Amino acid sequence: MSYPLFIFNSKNVEKEKKRYRKIVKRLFEGLKLNLKKLRSIIEDVIKLGKEPKV
């Protein structure tokens, strides 16, 4: 993981690194949730396309 350069301008670099890690972790958790929802929507659309037309 790389850190933005402004972190190293801080007087407390370790605190800034922890804060940055938490932000990145929350971002990835949110992306995982959204990707699961998006995947289910895509699967539903594909299923509808495969159903025989009456």
Protein backbone atom coordinates (compact mmCIF):
# COMPACT_ATOMS: atom_id res chain seq x y z
CA MET A 1 0.00 0.00 0.00
CA SER A 2 1.31 3.43 -0.79
CA TYR A 3 0.56 6.56 1.18
CA PRO A 4 -0.15 10.05 -0.11
CA LEU A 5 2.78 12.40 0.36
CA PHE A 6 0.91 14.77 2.70
CA ILE A 7 1.03 12.08 5.42
CA PHE A 8 4.78 12.56 5.77
CA ASN A 9 4.35 16.30 6.39
CA SER A 10 2.47 15.50 9.58
CA LYS A 11 4.13 15.64 12.99
CA ASN A 12 2.62 12.25 13.85
CA VAL A 13 3.24 10.02 10.84
CA GLU A 14 2.09 6.79 12.52
CA LYS A 15 -1.25 8.32 13.45
CA GLU A 16 -1.75 9.50 9.88
CA LYS A 17 -0.84 6.06 8.51
CA LYS A 18 -3.43 4.41 10.78
CA ARG A 19 -6.06 6.93 9.73
CA TYR A 20 -5.26 6.30 6.05
CA ARG A 21 -5.42 2.51 6.50
CA LYS A 22 -8.86 2.81 8.11
CA ILE A 23 -10.13 4.94 5.24
CA VAL A 24 -8.80 2.50 2.64
CA LYS A 25 -10.28 -0.45 4.54
CA ARG A 26 -13.72 1.19 4.67
CA LEU A 27 -13.49 1.99 0.97
CA PHE A 28 -12.78 -1.62 0.03
CA GLU A 29 -15.52 -2.94 2.32
CA GLY A 30 -17.99 -0.61 0.64
CA LEU A 31 -16.83 -1.68 -2.80
CA LYS A 32 -17.27 -5.34 -1.93
CA LEU A 33 -20.87 -4.75 -0.85
CA ASN A 34 -21.68 -2.73 -3.94
CA LEU A 35 -20.05 -5.28 -6.24
CA LYS A 36 -22.19 -8.07 -4.78
CA LYS A 37 -25.35 -6.04 -5.42
CA LEU A 38 -24.22 -5.16 -8.93
CA ARG A 39 -23.38 -8.79 -9.69
CA SER A 40 -26.83 -9.95 -8.61
CA ILE A 41 -28.48 -7.33 -10.84
CA ILE A 42 -26.37 -8.41 -13.82
CA GLU A 43 -27.21 -12.08 -13.17
CA ASP A 44 -30.93 -11.24 -13.07
CA VAL A 45 -30.71 -9.41 -16.39
CA ILE A 46 -28.87 -12.34 -17.98
CA LYS A 47 -31.48 -14.79 -16.65
CA LEU A 48 -34.26 -12.68 -18.12
CA GLY A 49 -32.49 -12.67 -21.46
CA LYS A 50 -32.18 -16.47 -21.44
CA GLU A 51 -35.83 -17.16 -20.64
CA PRO A 52 -37.81 -18.37 -23.64
CA LYS A 53 -40.13 -15.76 -25.09
CA VAL A 54 -43.79 -16.65 -25.07
